[in-house]
């Protein structure tokens, strides 16, 4: 969920014409700061999307969390949404990338949207 929030902050900053690194610096120094912003964001900004922790393993863990939530009759809607994002990322070529490579899915969705398509 933290990686997804970081990714959306980056996408929003970029689409607003803001300096993404500056936005992340501001966000990272306040209450919205996170491990993902401090550790993954610099790698994403450099285009370093190789795994430390694979996207496919993130998807596996999100599926486990979903099954456990069902077993305990617990609603985890945000976890479900993030699982859908990783499912889409891993359905493409992202399974072997790092879990911080979620930005590639957003880029792909943006490209499809500008072509008049939309899938997720």
PDB file of N, CA and C in Angstrom:
ATOM      1  N   UNK A   1       0.841  -1.181   0.000  1.00  0.00           N
ATOM      2  CA  UNK A   1       0.000   0.000   0.000  1.00  0.00           C
ATOM      3  C   UNK A   1       0.883   1.240   0.000  1.00  0.00           C
ATOM      4  N   UNK A   2       1.985   1.172   0.730  1.00  0.00           N
ATOM      5  CA  UNK A   2       2.907   2.312   0.767  1.00  0.00           C
ATOM      6  C   UNK A   2       3.561   2.569  -0.574  1.00  0.00           C
ATOM      7  N   UNK A   3       3.912   1.499  -1.280  1.00  0.00           N
ATOM      8  CA  UNK A   3       4.515   1.650  -2.609  1.00  0.00           C
ATOM      9  C   UNK A   3       3.494   2.245  -3.575  1.00  0.00           C
ATOM     10  N   UNK A   4       2.238   1.819  -3.471  1.00  0.00           N
ATOM     11  CA  UNK A   4       1.189   2.368  -4.336  1.00  0.00           C
ATOM     12  C   UNK A   4       0.974   3.853  -4.045  1.00  0.00           C
ATOM     13  N   UNK A   5       0.978   4.227  -2.777  1.00  0.00           N
ATOM     14  CA  UNK A   5       0.815   5.642  -2.416  1.00  0.00           C
ATOM     15  C   UNK A   5       1.985   6.472  -2.946  1.00  0.00           C
ATOM     16  N   UNK A   6       3.202   5.956  -2.801  1.00  0.00           N
ATOM     17  CA  UNK A   6       4.378   6.644  -3.328  1.00  0.00           C
ATOM     18  C   UNK A   6       4.261   6.811  -4.841  1.00  0.00           C
ATOM     19  N   UNK A   7       3.851   5.744  -5.517  1.00  0.00           N
ATOM     20  CA  UNK A   7       3.717   5.773  -6.973  1.00  0.00           C
ATOM     21  C   UNK A   7       2.699   6.817  -7.399  1.00  0.00           C
ATOM     22  N   UNK A   8       1.563   6.850  -6.724  1.00  0.00           N
ATOM     23  CA  UNK A   8       0.534   7.821  -7.094  1.00  0.00           C
ATOM     24  C   UNK A   8       0.985   9.250  -6.817  1.00  0.00           C
ATOM     25  N   UNK A   9       1.756   9.456  -5.773  1.00  0.00           N
ATOM     26  CA  UNK A   9       2.304  10.792  -5.520  1.00  0.00           C
ATOM     27  C   UNK A   9       3.228  11.210  -6.657  1.00  0.00           C
ATOM     28  N   UNK A  10       4.038  10.274  -7.132  1.00  0.00           N
ATOM     29  CA  UNK A  10       4.956  10.563  -8.231  1.00  0.00           C
ATOM     30  C   UNK A  10       4.187  10.861  -9.520  1.00  0.00           C
ATOM     31  N   UNK A  11       3.182  10.050  -9.799  1.00  0.00           N
ATOM     32  CA  UNK A  11       2.378  10.249 -11.012  1.00  0.00           C
ATOM     33  C   UNK A  11       1.661  11.586 -10.956  1.00  0.00           C
ATOM     34  N   UNK A  12       1.086  11.907  -9.810  1.00  0.00           N
ATOM     35  CA  UNK A  12       0.358  13.169  -9.665  1.00  0.00           C
ATOM     36  C   UNK A  12       1.301  14.367  -9.806  1.00  0.00           C
ATOM     37  N   UNK A  13       2.455  14.294  -9.190  1.00  0.00           N
ATOM     38  CA  UNK A  13       3.429  15.384  -9.297  1.00  0.00           C
ATOM     39  C   UNK A  13       3.849  15.574 -10.745  1.00  0.00           C
ATOM     40  N   UNK A  14       4.160  14.478 -11.401  1.00  0.00           N
ATOM     41  CA  UNK A  14       4.595  14.537 -12.803  1.00  0.00           C
ATOM     42  C   UNK A  14       3.500  15.107 -13.694  1.00  0.00           C
ATOM     43  N   UNK A  15       2.265  14.619 -13.519  1.00  0.00           N
ATOM     44  CA  UNK A  15       1.177  15.084 -14.389  1.00  0.00           C
ATOM     45  C   UNK A  15       0.789  16.534 -14.098  1.00  0.00           C
ATOM     46  N   UNK A  16       1.171  17.042 -12.926  1.00  0.00           N
ATOM     47  CA  UNK A  16       0.909  18.442 -12.578  1.00  0.00           C
ATOM     48  C   UNK A  16       2.055  19.357 -12.998  1.00  0.00           C
ATOM     49  N   UNK A  17       3.088  18.770 -13.586  1.00  0.00           N
ATOM     50  CA  UNK A  17       4.220  19.561 -14.040  1.00  0.00           C
ATOM     51  C   UNK A  17       5.176  19.960 -12.923  1.00  0.00           C
ATOM     52  N   UNK A  18       5.092  19.283 -11.800  1.00  0.00           N
ATOM     53  CA  UNK A  18       5.961  19.604 -10.670  1.00  0.00           C
ATOM     54  C   UNK A  18       7.241  18.783 -10.728  1.00  0.00           C
ATOM     55  N   UNK A  19       8.255  19.247 -10.032  1.00  0.00           N
ATOM     56  CA  UNK A  19       9.499  18.511  -9.906  1.00  0.00           C
ATOM     57  C   UNK A  19       9.247  17.341  -8.959  1.00  0.00           C
ATOM     58  N   UNK A  20       9.259  16.131  -9.486  1.00  0.00           N
ATOM     59  CA  UNK A  20       8.899  14.952  -8.707  1.00  0.00           C
ATOM     60  C   UNK A  20       9.832  14.765  -7.518  1.00  0.00           C
ATOM     61  N   UNK A  21      11.112  14.958  -7.713  1.00  0.00           N
ATOM     62  CA  UNK A  21      12.072  14.796  -6.620  1.00  0.00           C
ATOM     63  C   UNK A  21      11.785  15.788  -5.498  1.00  0.00           C
ATOM     64  N   UNK A  22      11.451  17.012  -5.854  1.00  0.00           N
ATOM     65  CA  UNK A  22      11.129  18.025  -4.836  1.00  0.00           C
ATOM     66  C   UNK A  22       9.858  17.662  -4.078  1.00  0.00           C
ATOM     67  N   UNK A  23       8.854  17.220  -4.809  1.00  0.00           N
ATOM     68  CA  UNK A  23       7.601  16.822  -4.165  1.00  0.00           C
ATOM     69  C   UNK A  23       7.858  15.675  -3.193  1.00  0.00           C
ATOM     70  N   UNK A  24       8.630  14.693  -3.612  1.00  0.00           N
ATOM     71  CA  UNK A  24       8.926  13.566  -2.732  1.00  0.00           C
ATOM     72  C   UNK A  24       9.736  13.995  -1.515  1.00  0.00           C
ATOM     73  N   UNK A  25      10.608  14.957  -1.692  1.00  0.00           N
ATOM     74  CA  UNK A  25      11.383  15.478  -0.567  1.00  0.00           C
ATOM     75  C   UNK A  25      10.460  16.130   0.457  1.00  0.00           C
ATOM     76  N   UNK A  26       9.503  16.919  -0.031  1.00  0.00           N
ATOM     77  CA  UNK A  26       8.556  17.589   0.863  1.00  0.00           C
ATOM     78  C   UNK A  26       7.662  16.550   1.551  1.00  0.00           C
ATOM     79  N   UNK A  27       7.106  15.653   0.760  1.00  0.00           N
ATOM     80  CA  UNK A  27       6.235  14.624   1.328  1.00  0.00           C
ATOM     81  C   UNK A  27       6.997  13.763   2.322  1.00  0.00           C
ATOM     82  N   UNK A  28       8.194  13.382   1.954  1.00  0.00           N
ATOM     83  CA  UNK A  28       8.995  12.493   2.788  1.00  0.00           C
ATOM     84  C   UNK A  28       9.422  13.094   4.103  1.00  0.00           C
ATOM     85  N   UNK A  29       9.418  14.405   4.208  1.00  0.00           N
ATOM     86  CA  UNK A  29       9.852  15.052   5.443  1.00  0.00           C
ATOM     87  C   UNK A  29       8.696  15.309   6.403  1.00  0.00           C
ATOM     88  N   UNK A  30       7.477  14.972   5.988  1.00  0.00           N
ATOM     89  CA  UNK A  30       6.317  15.206   6.842  1.00  0.00           C
ATOM     90  C   UNK A  30       5.645  13.921   7.270  1.00  0.00           C
ATOM     91  N   UNK A  31       4.399  14.067   7.692  1.00  0.00           N
ATOM     92  CA  UNK A  31       3.628  12.926   8.200  1.00  0.00           C
ATOM     93  C   UNK A  31       3.390  11.861   7.134  1.00  0.00           C
ATOM     94  N   UNK A  32       3.463  12.221   5.865  1.00  0.00           N
ATOM     95  CA  UNK A  32       3.257  11.249   4.786  1.00  0.00           C
ATOM     96  C   UNK A  32       4.548  10.519   4.415  1.00  0.00           C
ATOM     97  N   UNK A  33       5.619  10.804   5.115  1.00  0.00           N
ATOM     98  CA  UNK A  33       6.884  10.134   4.847  1.00  0.00           C
ATOM     99  C   UNK A  33       6.772   8.639   5.115  1.00  0.00           C
ATOM    100  N   UNK A  34       7.561   7.864   4.407  1.00  0.00           N
ATOM    101  CA  UNK A  34       7.502   6.413   4.565  1.00  0.00           C
ATOM    102  C   UNK A  34       8.820   5.784   4.140  1.00  0.00           C
ATOM    103  N   UNK A  35       8.966   4.517   4.468  1.00  0.00           N
ATOM    104  CA  UNK A  35      10.132   3.761   4.043  1.00  0.00           C
ATOM    105  C   UNK A  35      10.194   3.721   2.523  1.00  0.00           C
ATOM    106  N   UNK A  36       9.042   3.541   1.887  1.00  0.00           N
ATOM    107  CA  UNK A  36       8.999   3.484   0.420  1.00  0.00           C
ATOM    108  C   UNK A  36       9.513   4.775  -0.191  1.00  0.00           C
ATOM    109  N   UNK A  37       9.087   5.898   0.329  1.00  0.00           N
ATOM    110  CA  UNK A  37       9.528   7.192  -0.220  1.00  0.00           C
ATOM    111  C   UNK A  37      11.029   7.376  -0.008  1.00  0.00           C
ATOM    112  N   UNK A  38      11.518   7.010   1.153  1.00  0.00           N
ATOM    113  CA  UNK A  38      12.937   7.201   1.446  1.00  0.00           C
ATOM    114  C   UNK A  38      13.836   6.244   0.671  1.00  0.00           C
ATOM    115  N   UNK A  39      13.370   5.029   0.429  1.00  0.00           N
ATOM    116  CA  UNK A  39      14.239   4.001  -0.155  1.00  0.00           C
ATOM    117  C   UNK A  39      13.933   3.656  -1.603  1.00  0.00           C
ATOM    118  N   UNK A  40      12.657   3.598  -1.950  1.00  0.00           N
ATOM    119  CA  UNK A  40      12.298   3.227  -3.316  1.00  0.00           C
ATOM    120  C   UNK A  40      12.225   4.416  -4.265  1.00  0.00           C
ATOM    121  N   UNK A  41      11.726   5.531  -3.798  1.00  0.00           N
ATOM    122  CA  UNK A  41      11.555   6.682  -4.694  1.00  0.00           C
ATOM    123  C   UNK A  41      12.855   7.083  -5.388  1.00  0.00           C
ATOM    124  N   UNK A  42      13.981   7.163  -4.683  1.00  0.00           N
ATOM    125  CA  UNK A  42      15.223   7.519  -5.385  1.00  0.00           C
ATOM    126  C   UNK A  42      15.576   6.519  -6.493  1.00  0.00           C
ATOM    127  N   UNK A  43      15.304   5.248  -6.253  1.00  0.00           N
ATOM    128  CA  UNK A  43      15.583   4.237  -7.270  1.00  0.00           C
ATOM    129  C   UNK A  43      14.668   4.411  -8.480  1.00  0.00           C
ATOM    130  N   UNK A  44      13.386   4.676  -8.222  1.00  0.00           N
ATOM    131  CA  UNK A  44      12.433   4.880  -9.320  1.00  0.00           C
ATOM    132  C   UNK A  44      12.850   6.105 -10.136  1.00  0.00           C
ATOM    133  N   UNK A  45      13.240   7.171  -9.466  1.00  0.00           N
ATOM    134  CA  UNK A  45      13.647   8.394 -10.168  1.00  0.00           C
ATOM    135  C   UNK A  45      14.864   8.158 -11.055  1.00  0.00           C
ATOM    136  N   UNK A  46      15.730   7.222 -10.660  1.00  0.00           N
ATOM    137  CA  UNK A  46      16.909   6.890 -11.468  1.00  0.00           C
ATOM    138  C   UNK A  46      16.611   5.826 -12.518  1.00  0.00           C
ATOM    139  N   UNK A  47      15.377   5.316 -12.521  1.00  0.00           N
ATOM    140  CA  UNK A  47      15.025   4.260 -13.466  1.00  0.00           C
ATOM    141  C   UNK A  47      15.537   2.900 -13.056  1.00  0.00           C
ATOM    142  N   UNK A  48      15.925   2.750 -11.803  1.00  0.00           N
ATOM    143  CA  UNK A  48      16.438   1.484 -11.275  1.00  0.00           C
ATOM    144  C   UNK A  48      15.264   0.660 -10.754  1.00  0.00           C
ATOM    145  N   UNK A  49      14.731  -0.201 -11.598  1.00  0.00           N
ATOM    146  CA  UNK A  49      13.520  -0.941 -11.248  1.00  0.00           C
ATOM    147  C   UNK A  49      13.775  -2.423 -10.989  1.00  0.00           C
ATOM    148  N   UNK A  50      15.046  -2.797 -10.935  1.00  0.00           N
ATOM    149  CA  UNK A  50      15.393  -4.189 -10.649  1.00  0.00           C
ATOM    150  C   UNK A  50      14.980  -4.573  -9.244  1.00  0.00           C
ATOM    151  N   UNK A  51      14.834  -5.868  -9.041  1.00  0.00           N
ATOM    152  CA  UNK A  51      14.302  -6.321  -7.758  1.00  0.00           C
ATOM    153  C   UNK A  51      15.303  -6.293  -6.621  1.00  0.00           C
ATOM    154  N   UNK A  52      14.783  -5.891  -5.513  1.00  0.00           N
ATOM    155  CA  UNK A  52      15.321  -6.209  -4.212  1.00  0.00           C
ATOM    156  C   UNK A  52      14.298  -7.189  -3.659  1.00  0.00           C
ATOM    157  N   UNK A  53      13.042  -6.834  -3.893  1.00  0.00           N
ATOM    158  CA  UNK A  53      11.894  -7.677  -3.586  1.00  0.00           C
ATOM    159  C   UNK A  53      11.030  -7.686  -4.844  1.00  0.00           C
ATOM    160  N   UNK A  54      10.858  -8.852  -5.435  1.00  0.00           N
ATOM    161  CA  UNK A  54      10.154  -8.978  -6.714  1.00  0.00           C
ATOM    162  C   UNK A  54       8.683  -8.579  -6.626  1.00  0.00           C
ATOM    163  N   UNK A  55       8.187  -7.999  -7.719  1.00  0.00           N
ATOM    164  CA  UNK A  55       6.765  -7.672  -7.818  1.00  0.00           C
ATOM    165  C   UNK A  55       5.922  -8.940  -7.688  1.00  0.00           C
ATOM    166  N   UNK A  56       6.387 -10.039  -8.270  1.00  0.00           N
ATOM    167  CA  UNK A  56       5.628 -11.299  -8.193  1.00  0.00           C
ATOM    168  C   UNK A  56       5.527 -11.796  -6.758  1.00  0.00           C
ATOM    169  N   UNK A  57       6.522 -11.503  -5.933  1.00  0.00           N
ATOM    170  CA  UNK A  57       6.454 -11.895  -4.530  1.00  0.00           C
ATOM    171  C   UNK A  57       5.516 -10.974  -3.752  1.00  0.00           C
ATOM    172  N   UNK A  58       5.469  -9.713  -4.149  1.00  0.00           N
ATOM    173  CA  UNK A  58       4.513  -8.798  -3.530  1.00  0.00           C
ATOM    174  C   UNK A  58       3.093  -9.275  -3.821  1.00  0.00           C
ATOM    175  N   UNK A  59       2.856  -9.669  -5.076  1.00  0.00           N
ATOM    176  CA  UNK A  59       1.537 -10.168  -5.451  1.00  0.00           C
ATOM    177  C   UNK A  59       1.197 -11.421  -4.645  1.00  0.00           C
ATOM    178  N   UNK A  60       2.147 -12.326  -4.487  1.00  0.00           N
ATOM    179  CA  UNK A  60       1.922 -13.537  -3.683  1.00  0.00           C
ATOM    180  C   UNK A  60       1.508 -13.162  -2.268  1.00  0.00           C
ATOM    181  N   UNK A  61       2.212 -12.209  -1.667  1.00  0.00           N
ATOM    182  CA  UNK A  61       1.899 -11.792  -0.295  1.00  0.00           C
ATOM    183  C   UNK A  61       0.531 -11.114  -0.206  1.00  0.00           C
ATOM    184  N   UNK A  62       0.186 -10.328  -1.218  1.00  0.00           N
ATOM    185  CA  UNK A  62      -1.125  -9.682  -1.223  1.00  0.00           C
ATOM    186  C   UNK A  62      -2.251 -10.707  -1.374  1.00  0.00           C
ATOM    187  N   UNK A  63      -1.998 -11.751  -2.144  1.00  0.00           N
ATOM    188  CA  UNK A  63      -2.991 -12.831  -2.272  1.00  0.00           C
ATOM    189  C   UNK A  63      -3.163 -13.562  -0.939  1.00  0.00           C
ATOM    190  N   UNK A  64      -2.061 -13.798  -0.256  1.00  0.00           N
ATOM    191  CA  UNK A  64      -2.137 -14.448   1.061  1.00  0.00           C
ATOM    192  C   UNK A  64      -2.937 -13.574   2.017  1.00  0.00           C
ATOM    193  N   UNK A  65      -2.652 -12.281   2.032  1.00  0.00           N
ATOM    194  CA  UNK A  65      -3.393 -11.369   2.905  1.00  0.00           C
ATOM    195  C   UNK A  65      -4.883 -11.398   2.578  1.00  0.00           C
ATOM    196  N   UNK A  66      -5.206 -11.438   1.286  1.00  0.00           N
ATOM    197  CA  UNK A  66      -6.606 -11.499   0.879  1.00  0.00           C
ATOM    198  C   UNK A  66      -7.291 -12.763   1.350  1.00  0.00           C
ATOM    199  N   UNK A  67      -6.598 -13.889   1.224  1.00  0.00           N
ATOM    200  CA  UNK A  67      -7.175 -15.162   1.688  1.00  0.00           C
ATOM    201  C   UNK A  67      -7.377 -15.159   3.204  1.00  0.00           C
ATOM    202  N   UNK A  68      -6.393 -14.634   3.919  1.00  0.00           N
ATOM    203  CA  UNK A  68      -6.511 -14.571   5.380  1.00  0.00           C
ATOM    204  C   UNK A  68      -7.641 -13.634   5.798  1.00  0.00           C
ATOM    205  N   UNK A  69      -7.801 -12.551   5.081  1.00  0.00           N
ATOM    206  CA  UNK A  69      -8.899 -11.624   5.388  1.00  0.00           C
ATOM    207  C   UNK A  69     -10.246 -12.296   5.175  1.00  0.00           C
ATOM    208  N   UNK A  70     -10.360 -13.054   4.082  1.00  0.00           N
ATOM    209  CA  UNK A  70     -11.603 -13.791   3.830  1.00  0.00           C
ATOM    210  C   UNK A  70     -11.867 -14.809   4.926  1.00  0.00           C
ATOM    211  N   UNK A  71     -10.823 -15.519   5.337  1.00  0.00           N
ATOM    212  CA  UNK A  71     -10.963 -16.538   6.373  1.00  0.00           C
ATOM    213  C   UNK A  71     -11.481 -15.925   7.673  1.00  0.00           C
ATOM    214  N   UNK A  72     -11.003 -14.742   7.998  1.00  0.00           N
ATOM    215  CA  UNK A  72     -11.417 -14.095   9.255  1.00  0.00           C
ATOM    216  C   UNK A  72     -12.582 -13.139   9.054  1.00  0.00           C
ATOM    217  N   UNK A  73     -13.172 -13.166   7.859  1.00  0.00           N
ATOM    218  CA  UNK A  73     -14.318 -12.313   7.543  1.00  0.00           C
ATOM    219  C   UNK A  73     -14.002 -10.833   7.789  1.00  0.00           C
ATOM    220  N   UNK A  74     -12.812 -10.427   7.332  1.00  0.00           N
ATOM    221  CA  UNK A  74     -12.344  -9.057   7.487  1.00  0.00           C
ATOM    222  C   UNK A  74     -12.308  -8.386   6.126  1.00  0.00           C
ATOM    223  N   UNK A  75     -12.814  -7.176   6.052  1.00  0.00           N
ATOM    224  CA  UNK A  75     -12.809  -6.425   4.798  1.00  0.00           C
ATOM    225  C   UNK A  75     -11.537  -5.585   4.706  1.00  0.00           C
ATOM    226  N   UNK A  76     -10.763  -5.800   3.647  1.00  0.00           N
ATOM    227  CA  UNK A  76      -9.534  -5.034   3.401  1.00  0.00           C
ATOM    228  C   UNK A  76      -9.593  -4.471   1.975  1.00  0.00           C
ATOM    229  N   UNK A  77     -10.445  -3.468   1.738  1.00  0.00           N
ATOM    230  CA  UNK A  77     -10.634  -2.985   0.369  1.00  0.00           C
ATOM    231  C   UNK A  77      -9.388  -2.374  -0.257  1.00  0.00           C
ATOM    232  N   UNK A  78      -8.586  -1.677   0.494  1.00  0.00           N
ATOM    233  CA  UNK A  78      -7.381  -1.060  -0.079  1.00  0.00           C
ATOM    234  C   UNK A  78      -6.380  -2.144  -0.473  1.00  0.00           C
ATOM    235  N   UNK A  79      -6.239  -3.151   0.358  1.00  0.00           N
ATOM    236  CA  UNK A  79      -5.372  -4.275   0.028  1.00  0.00           C
ATOM    237  C   UNK A  79      -5.843  -4.944  -1.258  1.00  0.00           C
ATOM    238  N   UNK A  80      -7.153  -5.075  -1.410  1.00  0.00           N
ATOM    239  CA  UNK A  80      -7.707  -5.658  -2.636  1.00  0.00           C
ATOM    240  C   UNK A  80      -7.392  -4.825  -3.861  1.00  0.00           C
ATOM    241  N   UNK A  81      -7.483  -3.509  -3.733  1.00  0.00           N
ATOM    242  CA  UNK A  81      -7.163  -2.635  -4.860  1.00  0.00           C
ATOM    243  C   UNK A  81      -5.687  -2.725  -5.231  1.00  0.00           C
ATOM    244  N   UNK A  82      -4.833  -2.748  -4.230  1.00  0.00           N
ATOM    245  CA  UNK A  82      -3.398  -2.845  -4.501  1.00  0.00           C
ATOM    246  C   UNK A  82      -3.082  -4.210  -5.118  1.00  0.00           C
ATOM    247  N   UNK A  83      -3.766  -5.261  -4.672  1.00  0.00           N
ATOM    248  CA  UNK A  83      -3.577  -6.581  -5.282  1.00  0.00           C
ATOM    249  C   UNK A  83      -3.940  -6.537  -6.766  1.00  0.00           C
ATOM    250  N   UNK A  84      -5.007  -5.825  -7.118  1.00  0.00           N
ATOM    251  CA  UNK A  84      -5.382  -5.685  -8.529  1.00  0.00           C
ATOM    252  C   UNK A  84      -4.286  -4.972  -9.321  1.00  0.00           C
ATOM    253  N   UNK A  85      -3.670  -3.960  -8.723  1.00  0.00           N
ATOM    254  CA  UNK A  85      -2.576  -3.257  -9.396  1.00  0.00           C
ATOM    255  C   UNK A  85      -1.405  -4.196  -9.660  1.00  0.00           C
ATOM    256  N   UNK A  86      -1.024  -4.964  -8.640  1.00  0.00           N
ATOM    257  CA  UNK A  86       0.099  -5.886  -8.819  1.00  0.00           C
ATOM    258  C   UNK A  86      -0.252  -7.033  -9.754  1.00  0.00           C
ATOM    259  N   UNK A  87      -1.518  -7.442  -9.773  1.00  0.00           N
ATOM    260  CA  UNK A  87      -1.940  -8.465 -10.729  1.00  0.00           C
ATOM    261  C   UNK A  87      -1.739  -7.947 -12.146  1.00  0.00           C
ATOM    262  N   UNK A  88      -2.132  -6.707 -12.385  1.00  0.00           N
ATOM    263  CA  UNK A  88      -1.952  -6.104 -13.711  1.00  0.00           C
ATOM    264  C   UNK A  88      -0.474  -5.924 -14.041  1.00  0.00           C
ATOM    265  N   UNK A  89       0.312  -5.490 -13.076  1.00  0.00           N
ATOM    266  CA  UNK A  89       1.752  -5.321 -13.304  1.00  0.00           C
ATOM    267  C   UNK A  89       2.392  -6.659 -13.659  1.00  0.00           C
ATOM    268  N   UNK A  90       2.056  -7.697 -12.914  1.00  0.00           N
ATOM    269  CA  UNK A  90       2.681  -9.005 -13.132  1.00  0.00           C
ATOM    270  C   UNK A  90       2.147  -9.708 -14.372  1.00  0.00           C
ATOM    271  N   UNK A  91       0.988  -9.317 -14.853  1.00  0.00           N
ATOM    272  CA  UNK A  91       0.445  -9.901 -16.082  1.00  0.00           C
ATOM    273  C   UNK A  91       1.243  -9.416 -17.293  1.00  0.00           C
ATOM    274  N   UNK A  92       1.852  -8.264 -17.156  1.00  0.00           N
ATOM    275  CA  UNK A  92       2.728  -7.758 -18.200  1.00  0.00           C
ATOM    276  C   UNK A  92       4.128  -8.279 -17.950  1.00  0.00           C
ATOM    277  N   UNK A  93       5.102  -7.446 -18.165  1.00  0.00           N
ATOM    278  CA  UNK A  93       6.494  -7.863 -17.986  1.00  0.00           C
ATOM    279  C   UNK A  93       7.040  -7.470 -16.620  1.00  0.00           C
ATOM    280  N   UNK A  94       6.176  -7.039 -15.723  1.00  0.00           N
ATOM    281  CA  UNK A  94       6.632  -6.519 -14.447  1.00  0.00           C
ATOM    282  C   UNK A  94       6.894  -7.518 -13.352  1.00  0.00           C
ATOM    283  N   UNK A  95       6.537  -8.771 -13.556  1.00  0.00           N
ATOM    284  CA  UNK A  95       6.686  -9.768 -12.492  1.00  0.00           C
ATOM    285  C   UNK A  95       8.126  -9.896 -12.008  1.00  0.00           C
ATOM    286  N   UNK A  96       9.070  -9.737 -12.906  1.00  0.00           N
ATOM    287  CA  UNK A  96      10.487  -9.909 -12.563  1.00  0.00           C
ATOM    288  C   UNK A  96      11.149  -8.608 -12.126  1.00  0.00           C
ATOM    289  N   UNK A  97      10.384  -7.527 -12.106  1.00  0.00           N
ATOM    290  CA  UNK A  97      10.912  -6.251 -11.635  1.00  0.00           C
ATOM    291  C   UNK A  97      10.730  -6.154 -10.125  1.00  0.00           C
ATOM    292  N   UNK A  98      11.284  -5.098  -9.547  1.00  0.00           N
ATOM    293  CA  UNK A  98      11.093  -4.869  -8.126  1.00  0.00           C
ATOM    294  C   UNK A  98       9.670  -4.434  -7.836  1.00  0.00           C
ATOM    295  N   UNK A  99       9.247  -4.633  -6.586  1.00  0.00           N
ATOM    296  CA  UNK A  99       7.890  -4.236  -6.238  1.00  0.00           C
ATOM    297  C   UNK A  99       7.681  -2.725  -6.351  1.00  0.00           C
ATOM    298  N   UNK A 100       8.744  -1.968  -6.439  1.00  0.00           N
ATOM    299  CA  UNK A 100       8.646  -0.518  -6.593  1.00  0.00           C
ATOM    300  C   UNK A 100       8.455  -0.113  -8.065  1.00  0.00           C
ATOM    301  N   UNK A 101       8.408  -1.096  -8.962  1.00  0.00           N
ATOM    302  CA  UNK A 101       8.243  -0.819 -10.394  1.00  0.00           C
ATOM    303  C   UNK A 101       6.781  -0.605 -10.775  1.00  0.00           C
ATOM    304  N   UNK A 102       5.932  -0.404  -9.798  1.00  0.00           N
ATOM    305  CA  UNK A 102       4.516  -0.157 -10.058  1.00  0.00           C
ATOM    306  C   UNK A 102       4.330   1.047 -10.981  1.00  0.00           C
ATOM    307  N   UNK A 103       5.289   1.949 -10.993  1.00  0.00           N
ATOM    308  CA  UNK A 103       5.232   3.124 -11.876  1.00  0.00           C
ATOM    309  C   UNK A 103       5.089   2.695 -13.337  1.00  0.00           C
ATOM    310  N   UNK A 104       5.636   1.556 -13.713  1.00  0.00           N
ATOM    311  CA  UNK A 104       5.537   1.112 -15.105  1.00  0.00           C
ATOM    312  C   UNK A 104       4.099   0.783 -15.482  1.00  0.00           C
ATOM    313  N   UNK A 105       3.332   0.281 -14.525  1.00  0.00           N
ATOM    314  CA  UNK A 105       1.909   0.023 -14.778  1.00  0.00           C
ATOM    315  C   UNK A 105       1.175   1.334 -15.005  1.00  0.00           C
ATOM    316  N   UNK A 106       1.434   2.321 -14.170  1.00  0.00           N
ATOM    317  CA  UNK A 106       0.788   3.624 -14.327  1.00  0.00           C
ATOM    318  C   UNK A 106       1.156   4.250 -15.666  1.00  0.00           C
ATOM    319  N   UNK A 107       2.413   4.119 -16.056  1.00  0.00           N
ATOM    320  CA  UNK A 107       2.832   4.646 -17.359  1.00  0.00           C
ATOM    321  C   UNK A 107       2.098   3.941 -18.488  1.00  0.00           C
ATOM    322  N   UNK A 108       1.949   2.625 -18.353  1.00  0.00           N
ATOM    323  CA  UNK A 108       1.238   1.853 -19.371  1.00  0.00           C
ATOM    324  C   UNK A 108      -0.236   2.258 -19.431  1.00  0.00           C
ATOM    325  N   UNK A 109      -0.848   2.449 -18.278  1.00  0.00           N
ATOM    326  CA  UNK A 109      -2.251   2.868 -18.238  1.00  0.00           C
ATOM    327  C   UNK A 109      -2.431   4.253 -18.842  1.00  0.00           C
ATOM    328  N   UNK A 110      -1.484   5.150 -18.561  1.00  0.00           N
ATOM    329  CA  UNK A 110      -1.547   6.488 -19.132  1.00  0.00           C
ATOM    330  C   UNK A 110      -1.446   6.425 -20.649  1.00  0.00           C
ATOM    331  N   UNK A 111      -0.540   5.603 -21.134  1.00  0.00           N
ATOM    332  CA  UNK A 111      -0.374   5.445 -22.577  1.00  0.00           C
ATOM    333  C   UNK A 111      -1.649   4.887 -23.207  1.00  0.00           C
ATOM    334  N   UNK A 112      -2.250   3.892 -22.587  1.00  0.00           N
ATOM    335  CA  UNK A 112      -3.488   3.312 -23.111  1.00  0.00           C
ATOM    336  C   UNK A 112      -4.629   4.316 -23.078  1.00  0.00           C
ATOM    337  N   UNK A 113      -4.684   5.116 -22.015  1.00  0.00           N
ATOM    338  CA  UNK A 113      -5.744   6.113 -21.887  1.00  0.00           C
ATOM    339  C   UNK A 113      -5.621   7.176 -22.979  1.00  0.00           C
ATOM    340  N   UNK A 114      -4.405   7.581 -23.282  1.00  0.00           N
ATOM    341  CA  UNK A 114      -4.214   8.587 -24.319  1.00  0.00           C
ATOM    342  C   UNK A 114      -4.507   8.035 -25.699  1.00  0.00           C
ATOM    343  N   UNK A 115      -4.465   6.706 -25.830  1.00  0.00           N
ATOM    344  CA  UNK A 115      -4.827   6.065 -27.099  1.00  0.00           C
ATOM    345  C   UNK A 115      -6.319   5.746 -27.146  1.00  0.00           C
ATOM    346  N   UNK A 116      -7.054   6.073 -26.097  1.00  0.00           N
ATOM    347  CA  UNK A 116      -8.480   5.813 -26.066  1.00  0.00           C
ATOM    348  C   UNK A 116      -8.843   4.462 -25.477  1.00  0.00           C
ATOM    349  N   UNK A 117      -7.874   3.739 -24.952  1.00  0.00           N
ATOM    350  CA  UNK A 117      -8.121   2.442 -24.321  1.00  0.00           C
ATOM    351  C   UNK A 117      -8.008   2.620 -22.823  1.00  0.00           C
ATOM    352  N   UNK A 118      -8.552   1.675 -22.079  1.00  0.00           N
ATOM    353  CA  UNK A 118      -8.348   1.681 -20.631  1.00  0.00           C
ATOM    354  C   UNK A 118      -8.551   0.287 -20.102  1.00  0.00           C
ATOM    355  N   UNK A 119      -7.510  -0.293 -19.544  1.00  0.00           N
ATOM    356  CA  UNK A 119      -7.605  -1.636 -18.974  1.00  0.00           C
ATOM    357  C   UNK A 119      -6.987  -1.644 -17.595  1.00  0.00           C
ATOM    358  N   UNK A 120      -7.616  -2.382 -16.701  1.00  0.00           N
ATOM    359  CA  UNK A 120      -7.023  -2.692 -15.420  1.00  0.00           C
ATOM    360  C   UNK A 120      -7.817  -3.776 -14.757  1.00  0.00           C
TER     361      UNK A 120
END
